């Protein structure tokens, strides 16, 4: 499992996790599309925006390996702002390649792309 050096481990001051420390011994947690409903709590929305800002700062529009990125946090963005970069795609593989759909991500999280953005 690739560890993304320099990527924030969590949202500062919260327990919202962005990365994992080690592979799951029971098997890889698959990525699944999670629905974001309008009545989500503001801290959850802030965590999504901060995660998107961190992804964009680290990878930009280049494909990237899932590696140690948290499956739960990725699943909130999966198949919308973050899409599979290869076909076929294995959602239960730490080496799966993903890519940010910049147009969708900017529409969903415009503040995450602003210079000097903070959660």
PDB file of N, CA and C in Angstrom:
ATOM      1  N   UNK A   1       0.852  -1.177   0.000  1.00  0.00           N
ATOM      2  CA  UNK A   1       0.000   0.000   0.000  1.00  0.00           C
ATOM      3  C   UNK A   1       0.894   1.235   0.000  1.00  0.00           C
ATOM      4  N   UNK A   2       0.678   2.095  -0.987  1.00  0.00           N
ATOM      5  CA  UNK A   2       1.430   3.341  -1.097  1.00  0.00           C
ATOM      6  C   UNK A   2       0.974   4.322  -0.025  1.00  0.00           C
ATOM      7  N   UNK A   3       1.941   4.903   0.682  1.00  0.00           N
ATOM      8  CA  UNK A   3       1.622   5.933   1.671  1.00  0.00           C
ATOM      9  C   UNK A   3       1.921   7.292   1.037  1.00  0.00           C
ATOM     10  N   UNK A   4       0.918   8.142   0.997  1.00  0.00           N
ATOM     11  CA  UNK A   4       1.057   9.463   0.389  1.00  0.00           C
ATOM     12  C   UNK A   4       1.705  10.408   1.396  1.00  0.00           C
ATOM     13  N   UNK A   5       2.997  10.601   1.249  1.00  0.00           N
ATOM     14  CA  UNK A   5       3.747  11.474   2.146  1.00  0.00           C
ATOM     15  C   UNK A   5       3.304  12.917   1.959  1.00  0.00           C
ATOM     16  N   UNK A   6       3.147  13.629   3.063  1.00  0.00           N
ATOM     17  CA  UNK A   6       2.760  15.029   3.003  1.00  0.00           C
ATOM     18  C   UNK A   6       1.263  15.252   2.957  1.00  0.00           C
ATOM     19  N   UNK A   7       0.489  14.181   2.819  1.00  0.00           N
ATOM     20  CA  UNK A   7      -0.973  14.311   2.787  1.00  0.00           C
ATOM     21  C   UNK A   7      -1.470  14.385   4.227  1.00  0.00           C
ATOM     22  N   UNK A   8      -2.389  15.317   4.541  1.00  0.00           N
ATOM     23  CA  UNK A   8      -2.863  15.422   5.933  1.00  0.00           C
ATOM     24  C   UNK A   8      -3.566  14.138   6.384  1.00  0.00           C
ATOM     25  N   UNK A   9      -3.317  13.726   7.606  1.00  0.00           N
ATOM     26  CA  UNK A   9      -3.912  12.513   8.146  1.00  0.00           C
ATOM     27  C   UNK A   9      -5.356  12.676   8.561  1.00  0.00           C
ATOM     28  N   UNK A  10      -5.735  13.907   8.894  1.00  0.00           N
ATOM     29  CA  UNK A  10      -7.105  14.183   9.343  1.00  0.00           C
ATOM     30  C   UNK A  10      -7.381  15.672   9.218  1.00  0.00           C
ATOM     31  N   UNK A  11      -8.641  16.027   9.382  1.00  0.00           N
ATOM     32  CA  UNK A  11      -9.023  17.431   9.394  1.00  0.00           C
ATOM     33  C   UNK A  11      -8.586  18.005  10.733  1.00  0.00           C
ATOM     34  N   UNK A  12      -7.818  19.052  10.721  1.00  0.00           N
ATOM     35  CA  UNK A  12      -7.270  19.652  11.928  1.00  0.00           C
ATOM     36  C   UNK A  12      -8.357  19.947  12.952  1.00  0.00           C
ATOM     37  N   UNK A  13      -8.104  19.517  14.179  1.00  0.00           N
ATOM     38  CA  UNK A  13      -9.017  19.785  15.280  1.00  0.00           C
ATOM     39  C   UNK A  13     -10.236  18.874  15.330  1.00  0.00           C
ATOM     40  N   UNK A  14     -10.274  17.832  14.499  1.00  0.00           N
ATOM     41  CA  UNK A  14     -11.421  16.920  14.474  1.00  0.00           C
ATOM     42  C   UNK A  14     -10.925  15.478  14.419  1.00  0.00           C
ATOM     43  N   UNK A  15     -11.858  14.551  14.421  1.00  0.00           N
ATOM     44  CA  UNK A  15     -11.530  13.139  14.247  1.00  0.00           C
ATOM     45  C   UNK A  15     -11.887  12.651  12.847  1.00  0.00           C
ATOM     46  N   UNK A  16     -12.079  13.561  11.896  1.00  0.00           N
ATOM     47  CA  UNK A  16     -12.361  13.172  10.522  1.00  0.00           C
ATOM     48  C   UNK A  16     -11.061  12.708   9.869  1.00  0.00           C
ATOM     49  N   UNK A  17     -10.954  11.422   9.639  1.00  0.00           N
ATOM     50  CA  UNK A  17      -9.745  10.778   9.141  1.00  0.00           C
ATOM     51  C   UNK A  17      -9.646  10.903   7.620  1.00  0.00           C
ATOM     52  N   UNK A  18      -8.435  11.212   7.123  1.00  0.00           N
ATOM     53  CA  UNK A  18      -8.177  11.303   5.691  1.00  0.00           C
ATOM     54  C   UNK A  18      -7.330  10.140   5.187  1.00  0.00           C
ATOM     55  N   UNK A  19      -6.461   9.598   6.039  1.00  0.00           N
ATOM     56  CA  UNK A  19      -5.589   8.492   5.645  1.00  0.00           C
ATOM     57  C   UNK A  19      -5.661   7.371   6.680  1.00  0.00           C
ATOM     58  N   UNK A  20      -5.183   6.199   6.268  1.00  0.00           N
ATOM     59  CA  UNK A  20      -5.072   5.072   7.190  1.00  0.00           C
ATOM     60  C   UNK A  20      -3.598   4.775   7.405  1.00  0.00           C
ATOM     61  N   UNK A  21      -3.273   4.156   8.520  1.00  0.00           N
ATOM     62  CA  UNK A  21      -1.877   3.889   8.843  1.00  0.00           C
ATOM     63  C   UNK A  21      -1.355   2.605   8.224  1.00  0.00           C
ATOM     64  N   UNK A  22      -2.219   1.590   8.173  1.00  0.00           N
ATOM     65  CA  UNK A  22      -1.781   0.284   7.679  1.00  0.00           C
ATOM     66  C   UNK A  22      -2.915  -0.385   6.921  1.00  0.00           C
ATOM     67  N   UNK A  23      -2.596  -1.337   6.070  1.00  0.00           N
ATOM     68  CA  UNK A  23      -3.647  -2.058   5.333  1.00  0.00           C
ATOM     69  C   UNK A  23      -4.570  -2.805   6.289  1.00  0.00           C
ATOM     70  N   UNK A  24      -5.818  -2.943   5.908  1.00  0.00           N
ATOM     71  CA  UNK A  24      -6.797  -3.675   6.703  1.00  0.00           C
ATOM     72  C   UNK A  24      -6.465  -5.165   6.627  1.00  0.00           C
ATOM     73  N   UNK A  25      -6.210  -5.819   7.769  1.00  0.00           N
ATOM     74  CA  UNK A  25      -5.859  -7.244   7.725  1.00  0.00           C
ATOM     75  C   UNK A  25      -7.017  -8.136   7.267  1.00  0.00           C
ATOM     76  N   UNK A  26      -8.246  -7.632   7.323  1.00  0.00           N
ATOM     77  CA  UNK A  26      -9.417  -8.409   6.897  1.00  0.00           C
ATOM     78  C   UNK A  26      -9.713  -8.231   5.410  1.00  0.00           C
ATOM     79  N   UNK A  27      -8.943  -7.411   4.735  1.00  0.00           N
ATOM     80  CA  UNK A  27      -9.158  -7.163   3.311  1.00  0.00           C
ATOM     81  C   UNK A  27      -9.392  -5.686   3.050  1.00  0.00           C
ATOM     82  N   UNK A  28      -9.227  -5.296   1.823  1.00  0.00           N
ATOM     83  CA  UNK A  28      -9.358  -3.897   1.421  1.00  0.00           C
ATOM     84  C   UNK A  28     -10.825  -3.472   1.475  1.00  0.00           C
ATOM     85  N   UNK A  29     -11.084  -2.324   2.088  1.00  0.00           N
ATOM     86  CA  UNK A  29     -12.436  -1.772   2.104  1.00  0.00           C
ATOM     87  C   UNK A  29     -12.729  -1.205   0.715  1.00  0.00           C
ATOM     88  N   UNK A  30     -13.774  -1.705   0.052  1.00  0.00           N
ATOM     89  CA  UNK A  30     -14.056  -1.212  -1.307  1.00  0.00           C
ATOM     90  C   UNK A  30     -14.625   0.205  -1.293  1.00  0.00           C
ATOM     91  N   UNK A  31     -14.332   0.944  -2.354  1.00  0.00           N
ATOM     92  CA  UNK A  31     -14.922   2.267  -2.537  1.00  0.00           C
ATOM     93  C   UNK A  31     -16.347   2.092  -3.042  1.00  0.00           C
ATOM     94  N   UNK A  32     -17.275   2.827  -2.474  1.00  0.00           N
ATOM     95  CA  UNK A  32     -18.667   2.817  -2.915  1.00  0.00           C
ATOM     96  C   UNK A  32     -19.160   4.252  -2.944  1.00  0.00           C
ATOM     97  N   UNK A  33     -20.067   4.533  -3.820  1.00  0.00           N
ATOM     98  CA  UNK A  33     -20.631   5.876  -3.898  1.00  0.00           C
ATOM     99  C   UNK A  33     -21.598   6.078  -2.732  1.00  0.00           C
ATOM    100  N   UNK A  34     -21.333   7.085  -1.915  1.00  0.00           N
ATOM    101  CA  UNK A  34     -22.225   7.433  -0.809  1.00  0.00           C
ATOM    102  C   UNK A  34     -22.998   8.681  -1.185  1.00  0.00           C
ATOM    103  N   UNK A  35     -24.276   8.666  -0.942  1.00  0.00           N
ATOM    104  CA  UNK A  35     -25.109   9.823  -1.267  1.00  0.00           C
ATOM    105  C   UNK A  35     -24.918  10.926  -0.234  1.00  0.00           C
ATOM    106  N   UNK A  36     -24.743  12.146  -0.715  1.00  0.00           N
ATOM    107  CA  UNK A  36     -24.633  13.313   0.160  1.00  0.00           C
ATOM    108  C   UNK A  36     -25.967  14.040   0.135  1.00  0.00           C
ATOM    109  N   UNK A  37     -26.698  13.939   1.211  1.00  0.00           N
ATOM    110  CA  UNK A  37     -27.992  14.590   1.295  1.00  0.00           C
ATOM    111  C   UNK A  37     -27.837  16.028   1.771  1.00  0.00           C
ATOM    112  N   UNK A  38     -28.798  16.873   1.441  1.00  0.00           N
ATOM    113  CA  UNK A  38     -28.732  18.297   1.748  1.00  0.00           C
ATOM    114  C   UNK A  38     -28.712  18.573   3.252  1.00  0.00           C
ATOM    115  N   UNK A  39     -29.222  17.652   4.049  1.00  0.00           N
ATOM    116  CA  UNK A  39     -29.294  17.911   5.497  1.00  0.00           C
ATOM    117  C   UNK A  39     -28.072  17.381   6.263  1.00  0.00           C
ATOM    118  N   UNK A  40     -26.957  17.137   5.560  1.00  0.00           N
ATOM    119  CA  UNK A  40     -25.727  16.703   6.250  1.00  0.00           C
ATOM    120  C   UNK A  40     -25.242  17.800   7.187  1.00  0.00           C
ATOM    121  N   UNK A  41     -24.603  17.390   8.256  1.00  0.00           N
ATOM    122  CA  UNK A  41     -24.098  18.343   9.251  1.00  0.00           C
ATOM    123  C   UNK A  41     -22.978  19.206   8.660  1.00  0.00           C
ATOM    124  N   UNK A  42     -22.881  20.464   9.083  1.00  0.00           N
ATOM    125  CA  UNK A  42     -21.808  21.340   8.593  1.00  0.00           C
ATOM    126  C   UNK A  42     -20.400  20.783   8.795  1.00  0.00           C
ATOM    127  N   UNK A  43     -20.086  20.120   9.932  1.00  0.00           N
ATOM    128  CA  UNK A  43     -18.729  19.558  10.043  1.00  0.00           C
ATOM    129  C   UNK A  43     -18.435  18.495   8.976  1.00  0.00           C
ATOM    130  N   UNK A  44     -19.443  17.705   8.601  1.00  0.00           N
ATOM    131  CA  UNK A  44     -19.249  16.708   7.548  1.00  0.00           C
ATOM    132  C   UNK A  44     -18.968  17.381   6.206  1.00  0.00           C
ATOM    133  N   UNK A  45     -19.689  18.443   5.933  1.00  0.00           N
ATOM    134  CA  UNK A  45     -19.475  19.183   4.686  1.00  0.00           C
ATOM    135  C   UNK A  45     -18.078  19.818   4.663  1.00  0.00           C
ATOM    136  N   UNK A  46     -17.645  20.362   5.829  1.00  0.00           N
ATOM    137  CA  UNK A  46     -16.311  20.952   5.932  1.00  0.00           C
ATOM    138  C   UNK A  46     -15.233  19.899   5.695  1.00  0.00           C
ATOM    139  N   UNK A  47     -15.448  18.700   6.237  1.00  0.00           N
ATOM    140  CA  UNK A  47     -14.475  17.614   6.049  1.00  0.00           C
ATOM    141  C   UNK A  47     -14.369  17.227   4.575  1.00  0.00           C
ATOM    142  N   UNK A  48     -15.501  17.149   3.881  1.00  0.00           N
ATOM    143  CA  UNK A  48     -15.480  16.840   2.445  1.00  0.00           C
ATOM    144  C   UNK A  48     -14.705  17.900   1.675  1.00  0.00           C
ATOM    145  N   UNK A  49     -14.964  19.170   1.974  1.00  0.00           N
ATOM    146  CA  UNK A  49     -14.286  20.262   1.277  1.00  0.00           C
ATOM    147  C   UNK A  49     -12.785  20.259   1.582  1.00  0.00           C
ATOM    148  N   UNK A  50     -12.421  20.018   2.828  1.00  0.00           N
ATOM    149  CA  UNK A  50     -11.005  19.977   3.198  1.00  0.00           C
ATOM    150  C   UNK A  50     -10.300  18.801   2.525  1.00  0.00           C
ATOM    151  N   UNK A  51     -10.972  17.660   2.441  1.00  0.00           N
ATOM    152  CA  UNK A  51     -10.395  16.490   1.780  1.00  0.00           C
ATOM    153  C   UNK A  51     -10.192  16.779   0.291  1.00  0.00           C
ATOM    154  N   UNK A  52     -11.168  17.410  -0.334  1.00  0.00           N
ATOM    155  CA  UNK A  52     -11.034  17.755  -1.755  1.00  0.00           C
ATOM    156  C   UNK A  52      -9.886  18.738  -1.946  1.00  0.00           C
ATOM    157  N   UNK A  53      -9.759  19.727  -1.065  1.00  0.00           N
ATOM    158  CA  UNK A  53      -8.660  20.689  -1.168  1.00  0.00           C
ATOM    159  C   UNK A  53      -7.315  19.991  -1.028  1.00  0.00           C
ATOM    160  N   UNK A  54      -7.217  19.020  -0.109  1.00  0.00           N
ATOM    161  CA  UNK A  54      -5.972  18.277   0.077  1.00  0.00           C
ATOM    162  C   UNK A  54      -5.660  17.412  -1.146  1.00  0.00           C
ATOM    163  N   UNK A  55      -6.687  16.766  -1.700  1.00  0.00           N
ATOM    164  CA  UNK A  55      -6.487  15.967  -2.917  1.00  0.00           C
ATOM    165  C   UNK A  55      -5.974  16.841  -4.057  1.00  0.00           C
ATOM    166  N   UNK A  56      -6.605  18.000  -4.249  1.00  0.00           N
ATOM    167  CA  UNK A  56      -6.218  18.883  -5.341  1.00  0.00           C
ATOM    168  C   UNK A  56      -4.795  19.409  -5.139  1.00  0.00           C
ATOM    169  N   UNK A  57      -4.456  19.784  -3.902  1.00  0.00           N
ATOM    170  CA  UNK A  57      -3.111  20.292  -3.615  1.00  0.00           C
ATOM    171  C   UNK A  57      -2.054  19.209  -3.846  1.00  0.00           C
ATOM    172  N   UNK A  58      -2.369  17.975  -3.519  1.00  0.00           N
ATOM    173  CA  UNK A  58      -1.406  16.876  -3.632  1.00  0.00           C
ATOM    174  C   UNK A  58      -1.285  16.344  -5.071  1.00  0.00           C
ATOM    175  N   UNK A  59      -2.427  16.206  -5.775  1.00  0.00           N
ATOM    176  CA  UNK A  59      -2.410  15.495  -7.056  1.00  0.00           C
ATOM    177  C   UNK A  59      -2.816  16.337  -8.265  1.00  0.00           C
ATOM    178  N   UNK A  60      -3.567  17.410  -8.064  1.00  0.00           N
ATOM    179  CA  UNK A  60      -4.040  18.205  -9.191  1.00  0.00           C
ATOM    180  C   UNK A  60      -4.916  17.363 -10.098  1.00  0.00           C
ATOM    181  N   UNK A  61      -4.759  17.513 -11.405  1.00  0.00           N
ATOM    182  CA  UNK A  61      -5.599  16.769 -12.344  1.00  0.00           C
ATOM    183  C   UNK A  61      -4.939  15.467 -12.830  1.00  0.00           C
ATOM    184  N   UNK A  62      -3.824  15.091 -12.212  1.00  0.00           N
ATOM    185  CA  UNK A  62      -3.117  13.855 -12.598  1.00  0.00           C
ATOM    186  C   UNK A  62      -3.738  12.636 -11.915  1.00  0.00           C
ATOM    187  N   UNK A  63      -3.712  11.490 -12.567  1.00  0.00           N
ATOM    188  CA  UNK A  63      -4.191  10.266 -11.917  1.00  0.00           C
ATOM    189  C   UNK A  63      -3.331   9.945 -10.690  1.00  0.00           C
ATOM    190  N   UNK A  64      -3.949   9.373  -9.674  1.00  0.00           N
ATOM    191  CA  UNK A  64      -3.223   9.032  -8.456  1.00  0.00           C
ATOM    192  C   UNK A  64      -3.685   7.678  -7.931  1.00  0.00           C
ATOM    193  N   UNK A  65      -2.784   7.028  -7.197  1.00  0.00           N
ATOM    194  CA  UNK A  65      -3.068   5.728  -6.615  1.00  0.00           C
ATOM    195  C   UNK A  65      -3.839   5.913  -5.309  1.00  0.00           C
ATOM    196  N   UNK A  66      -4.815   5.052  -5.077  1.00  0.00           N
ATOM    197  CA  UNK A  66      -5.610   5.137  -3.847  1.00  0.00           C
ATOM    198  C   UNK A  66      -4.736   5.042  -2.607  1.00  0.00           C
ATOM    199  N   UNK A  67      -3.851   4.081  -2.562  1.00  0.00           N
ATOM    200  CA  UNK A  67      -2.897   3.952  -1.464  1.00  0.00           C
ATOM    201  C   UNK A  67      -3.549   3.982  -0.096  1.00  0.00           C
ATOM    202  N   UNK A  68      -3.020   4.837   0.781  1.00  0.00           N
ATOM    203  CA  UNK A  68      -3.502   4.889   2.151  1.00  0.00           C
ATOM    204  C   UNK A  68      -4.613   5.917   2.377  1.00  0.00           C
ATOM    205  N   UNK A  69      -5.242   6.389   1.309  1.00  0.00           N
ATOM    206  CA  UNK A  69      -6.366   7.318   1.472  1.00  0.00           C
ATOM    207  C   UNK A  69      -7.558   6.567   2.053  1.00  0.00           C
ATOM    208  N   UNK A  70      -8.240   7.173   3.001  1.00  0.00           N
ATOM    209  CA  UNK A  70      -9.346   6.531   3.710  1.00  0.00           C
ATOM    210  C   UNK A  70     -10.516   6.245   2.772  1.00  0.00           C
ATOM    211  N   UNK A  71     -10.951   4.989   2.751  1.00  0.00           N
ATOM    212  CA  UNK A  71     -12.044   4.574   1.862  1.00  0.00           C
ATOM    213  C   UNK A  71     -13.347   5.273   2.211  1.00  0.00           C
ATOM    214  N   UNK A  72     -13.609   5.457   3.491  1.00  0.00           N
ATOM    215  CA  UNK A  72     -14.841   6.129   3.896  1.00  0.00           C
ATOM    216  C   UNK A  72     -14.903   7.563   3.401  1.00  0.00           C
ATOM    217  N   UNK A  73     -13.815   8.290   3.545  1.00  0.00           N
ATOM    218  CA  UNK A  73     -13.778   9.691   3.105  1.00  0.00           C
ATOM    219  C   UNK A  73     -13.806   9.759   1.586  1.00  0.00           C
ATOM    220  N   UNK A  74     -13.084   8.866   0.906  1.00  0.00           N
ATOM    221  CA  UNK A  74     -13.103   8.846  -0.562  1.00  0.00           C
ATOM    222  C   UNK A  74     -14.489   8.517  -1.098  1.00  0.00           C
ATOM    223  N   UNK A  75     -15.212   7.660  -0.389  1.00  0.00           N
ATOM    224  CA  UNK A  75     -16.532   7.229  -0.857  1.00  0.00           C
ATOM    225  C   UNK A  75     -17.532   8.378  -0.921  1.00  0.00           C
ATOM    226  N   UNK A  76     -17.342   9.415  -0.099  1.00  0.00           N
ATOM    227  CA  UNK A  76     -18.245  10.570  -0.168  1.00  0.00           C
ATOM    228  C   UNK A  76     -18.055  11.345  -1.467  1.00  0.00           C
ATOM    229  N   UNK A  77     -16.891  11.194  -2.109  1.00  0.00           N
ATOM    230  CA  UNK A  77     -16.593  11.916  -3.360  1.00  0.00           C
ATOM    231  C   UNK A  77     -16.588  10.998  -4.582  1.00  0.00           C
ATOM    232  N   UNK A  78     -16.566   9.690  -4.349  1.00  0.00           N
ATOM    233  CA  UNK A  78     -16.388   8.707  -5.411  1.00  0.00           C
ATOM    234  C   UNK A  78     -17.530   8.734  -6.428  1.00  0.00           C
ATOM    235  N   UNK A  79     -17.167   8.638  -7.679  1.00  0.00           N
ATOM    236  CA  UNK A  79     -18.052   8.655  -8.851  1.00  0.00           C
ATOM    237  C   UNK A  79     -18.737  10.004  -9.076  1.00  0.00           C
ATOM    238  N   UNK A  80     -18.298  11.021  -8.393  1.00  0.00           N
ATOM    239  CA  UNK A  80     -18.734  12.390  -8.662  1.00  0.00           C
ATOM    240  C   UNK A  80     -17.484  13.230  -8.900  1.00  0.00           C
ATOM    241  N   UNK A  81     -16.845  13.687  -7.817  1.00  0.00           N
ATOM    242  CA  UNK A  81     -15.645  14.513  -7.942  1.00  0.00           C
ATOM    243  C   UNK A  81     -14.389  13.673  -8.187  1.00  0.00           C
ATOM    244  N   UNK A  82     -14.362  12.466  -7.662  1.00  0.00           N
ATOM    245  CA  UNK A  82     -13.234  11.549  -7.848  1.00  0.00           C
ATOM    246  C   UNK A  82     -13.743  10.334  -8.614  1.00  0.00           C
ATOM    247  N   UNK A  83     -13.115  10.076  -9.759  1.00  0.00           N
ATOM    248  CA  UNK A  83     -13.578   8.994 -10.637  1.00  0.00           C
ATOM    249  C   UNK A  83     -12.461   7.990 -10.903  1.00  0.00           C
ATOM    250  N   UNK A  84     -12.832   6.781 -11.300  1.00  0.00           N
ATOM    251  CA  UNK A  84     -11.807   5.806 -11.690  1.00  0.00           C
ATOM    252  C   UNK A  84     -11.009   6.318 -12.885  1.00  0.00           C
ATOM    253  N   UNK A  85      -9.700   6.084 -12.859  1.00  0.00           N
ATOM    254  CA  UNK A  85      -8.842   6.536 -13.961  1.00  0.00           C
ATOM    255  C   UNK A  85      -8.591   5.432 -14.968  1.00  0.00           C
ATOM    256  N   UNK A  86      -8.970   4.214 -14.632  1.00  0.00           N
ATOM    257  CA  UNK A  86      -8.735   3.082 -15.524  1.00  0.00           C
ATOM    258  C   UNK A  86     -10.017   2.266 -15.686  1.00  0.00           C
ATOM    259  N   UNK A  87     -10.057   1.517 -16.776  1.00  0.00           N
ATOM    260  CA  UNK A  87     -11.169   0.602 -17.000  1.00  0.00           C
ATOM    261  C   UNK A  87     -10.549  -0.721 -17.431  1.00  0.00           C
ATOM    262  N   UNK A  88     -10.712  -1.799 -16.770  1.00  0.00           N
ATOM    263  CA  UNK A  88     -11.591  -2.013 -15.628  1.00  0.00           C
ATOM    264  C   UNK A  88     -11.009  -1.413 -14.344  1.00  0.00           C
ATOM    265  N   UNK A  89     -11.899  -1.137 -13.391  1.00  0.00           N
ATOM    266  CA  UNK A  89     -11.523  -0.537 -12.111  1.00  0.00           C
ATOM    267  C   UNK A  89     -11.900  -1.483 -10.982  1.00  0.00           C
ATOM    268  N   UNK A  90     -10.972  -1.732 -10.088  1.00  0.00           N
ATOM    269  CA  UNK A  90     -11.237  -2.584  -8.925  1.00  0.00           C
ATOM    270  C   UNK A  90     -11.387  -1.684  -7.699  1.00  0.00           C
ATOM    271  N   UNK A  91     -12.623  -1.526  -7.171  1.00  0.00           N
ATOM    272  CA  UNK A  91     -12.825  -0.637  -6.026  1.00  0.00           C
ATOM    273  C   UNK A  91     -12.217  -1.166  -4.729  1.00  0.00           C
ATOM    274  N   UNK A  92     -11.755  -2.412  -4.720  1.00  0.00           N
ATOM    275  CA  UNK A  92     -11.165  -3.015  -3.527  1.00  0.00           C
ATOM    276  C   UNK A  92      -9.677  -3.285  -3.742  1.00  0.00           C
ATOM    277  N   UNK A  93      -8.962  -2.290  -4.281  1.00  0.00           N
ATOM    278  CA  UNK A  93      -7.535  -2.437  -4.553  1.00  0.00           C
ATOM    279  C   UNK A  93      -6.824  -1.163  -4.117  1.00  0.00           C
ATOM    280  N   UNK A  94      -5.811  -1.304  -3.262  1.00  0.00           N
ATOM    281  CA  UNK A  94      -5.041  -0.138  -2.819  1.00  0.00           C
ATOM    282  C   UNK A  94      -4.260   0.495  -3.970  1.00  0.00           C
ATOM    283  N   UNK A  95      -4.033  -0.248  -5.051  1.00  0.00           N
ATOM    284  CA  UNK A  95      -3.276   0.279  -6.185  1.00  0.00           C
ATOM    285  C   UNK A  95      -4.176   0.835  -7.294  1.00  0.00           C
ATOM    286  N   UNK A  96      -5.473   0.894  -7.046  1.00  0.00           N
ATOM    287  CA  UNK A  96      -6.406   1.425  -8.042  1.00  0.00           C
ATOM    288  C   UNK A  96      -6.094   2.895  -8.319  1.00  0.00           C
ATOM    289  N   UNK A  97      -6.201   3.276  -9.588  1.00  0.00           N
ATOM    290  CA  UNK A  97      -5.924   4.663  -9.980  1.00  0.00           C
ATOM    291  C   UNK A  97      -7.217   5.457 -10.037  1.00  0.00           C
ATOM    292  N   UNK A  98      -7.158   6.662  -9.464  1.00  0.00           N
ATOM    293  CA  UNK A  98      -8.291   7.583  -9.434  1.00  0.00           C
ATOM    294  C   UNK A  98      -7.857   8.901 -10.056  1.00  0.00           C
ATOM    295  N   UNK A  99      -8.827   9.719 -10.417  1.00  0.00           N
ATOM    296  CA  UNK A  99      -8.529  11.036 -10.964  1.00  0.00           C
ATOM    297  C   UNK A  99      -9.642  11.994 -10.524  1.00  0.00           C
ATOM    298  N   UNK A 100      -9.282  13.248 -10.320  1.00  0.00           N
ATOM    299  CA  UNK A 100     -10.260  14.270  -9.933  1.00  0.00           C
ATOM    300  C   UNK A 100     -10.919  14.817 -11.183  1.00  0.00           C
ATOM    301  N   UNK A 101     -12.244  14.846 -11.207  1.00  0.00           N
ATOM    302  CA  UNK A 101     -12.997  15.508 -12.274  1.00  0.00           C
ATOM    303  C   UNK A 101     -13.079  16.980 -11.876  1.00  0.00           C
ATOM    304  N   UNK A 102     -12.170  17.767 -12.416  1.00  0.00           N
ATOM    305  CA  UNK A 102     -12.002  19.151 -11.974  1.00  0.00           C
ATOM    306  C   UNK A 102     -13.269  19.986 -12.114  1.00  0.00           C
ATOM    307  N   UNK A 103     -13.985  19.851 -13.207  1.00  0.00           N
ATOM    308  CA  UNK A 103     -15.191  20.663 -13.410  1.00  0.00           C
ATOM    309  C   UNK A 103     -16.244  20.362 -12.347  1.00  0.00           C
ATOM    310  N   UNK A 104     -16.467  19.092 -12.067  1.00  0.00           N
ATOM    311  CA  UNK A 104     -17.460  18.703 -11.055  1.00  0.00           C
ATOM    312  C   UNK A 104     -16.986  19.117  -9.665  1.00  0.00           C
ATOM    313  N   UNK A 105     -15.691  18.927  -9.387  1.00  0.00           N
ATOM    314  CA  UNK A 105     -15.151  19.272  -8.074  1.00  0.00           C
ATOM    315  C   UNK A 105     -15.229  20.777  -7.819  1.00  0.00           C
ATOM    316  N   UNK A 106     -14.909  21.579  -8.827  1.00  0.00           N
ATOM    317  CA  UNK A 106     -15.005  23.042  -8.653  1.00  0.00           C
ATOM    318  C   UNK A 106     -16.445  23.494  -8.448  1.00  0.00           C
ATOM    319  N   UNK A 107     -17.386  22.829  -9.092  1.00  0.00           N
ATOM    320  CA  UNK A 107     -18.800  23.174  -8.904  1.00  0.00           C
ATOM    321  C   UNK A 107     -19.287  22.770  -7.516  1.00  0.00           C
ATOM    322  N   UNK A 108     -18.825  21.628  -7.020  1.00  0.00           N
ATOM    323  CA  UNK A 108     -19.264  21.127  -5.721  1.00  0.00           C
ATOM    324  C   UNK A 108     -18.565  21.817  -4.552  1.00  0.00           C
ATOM    325  N   UNK A 109     -17.279  22.106  -4.706  1.00  0.00           N
ATOM    326  CA  UNK A 109     -16.475  22.677  -3.622  1.00  0.00           C
ATOM    327  C   UNK A 109     -15.668  23.871  -4.131  1.00  0.00           C
ATOM    328  N   UNK A 110     -16.313  24.975  -4.498  1.00  0.00           N
ATOM    329  CA  UNK A 110     -15.565  26.105  -5.072  1.00  0.00           C
ATOM    330  C   UNK A 110     -14.532  26.693  -4.113  1.00  0.00           C
ATOM    331  N   UNK A 111     -14.818  26.681  -2.813  1.00  0.00           N
ATOM    332  CA  UNK A 111     -13.872  27.250  -1.845  1.00  0.00           C
ATOM    333  C   UNK A 111     -12.613  26.403  -1.702  1.00  0.00           C
ATOM    334  N   UNK A 112     -12.700  25.110  -1.992  1.00  0.00           N
ATOM    335  CA  UNK A 112     -11.549  24.225  -1.858  1.00  0.00           C
ATOM    336  C   UNK A 112     -10.461  24.542  -2.885  1.00  0.00           C
ATOM    337  N   UNK A 113     -10.803  25.275  -3.931  1.00  0.00           N
ATOM    338  CA  UNK A 113      -9.845  25.597  -4.977  1.00  0.00           C
ATOM    339  C   UNK A 113      -9.311  27.025  -4.844  1.00  0.00           C
ATOM    340  N   UNK A 114      -9.774  27.755  -3.831  1.00  0.00           N
ATOM    341  CA  UNK A 114      -9.315  29.122  -3.613  1.00  0.00           C
ATOM    342  C   UNK A 114      -7.925  29.117  -2.980  1.00  0.00           C
ATOM    343  N   UNK A 115      -7.099  30.087  -3.320  1.00  0.00           N
ATOM    344  CA  UNK A 115      -5.764  30.183  -2.726  1.00  0.00           C
ATOM    345  C   UNK A 115      -5.896  30.482  -1.243  1.00  0.00           C
ATOM    346  N   UNK A 116      -5.108  29.790  -0.439  1.00  0.00           N
ATOM    347  CA  UNK A 116      -5.100  30.033   0.998  1.00  0.00           C
ATOM    348  C   UNK A 116      -6.332  29.515   1.710  1.00  0.00           C
ATOM    349  N   UNK A 117      -7.012  28.553   1.097  1.00  0.00           N
ATOM    350  CA  UNK A 117      -8.238  28.021   1.689  1.00  0.00           C
ATOM    351  C   UNK A 117      -7.929  27.227   2.945  1.00  0.00           C
ATOM    352  N   UNK A 118      -8.765  27.390   3.976  1.00  0.00           N
ATOM    353  CA  UNK A 118      -8.633  26.606   5.195  1.00  0.00           C
ATOM    354  C   UNK A 118     -10.007  26.162   5.640  1.00  0.00           C
ATOM    355  N   UNK A 119     -10.074  24.991   6.246  1.00  0.00           N
ATOM    356  CA  UNK A 119     -11.353  24.434   6.701  1.00  0.00           C
ATOM    357  C   UNK A 119     -11.941  25.235   7.837  1.00  0.00           C
TER     358      UNK A 119
END
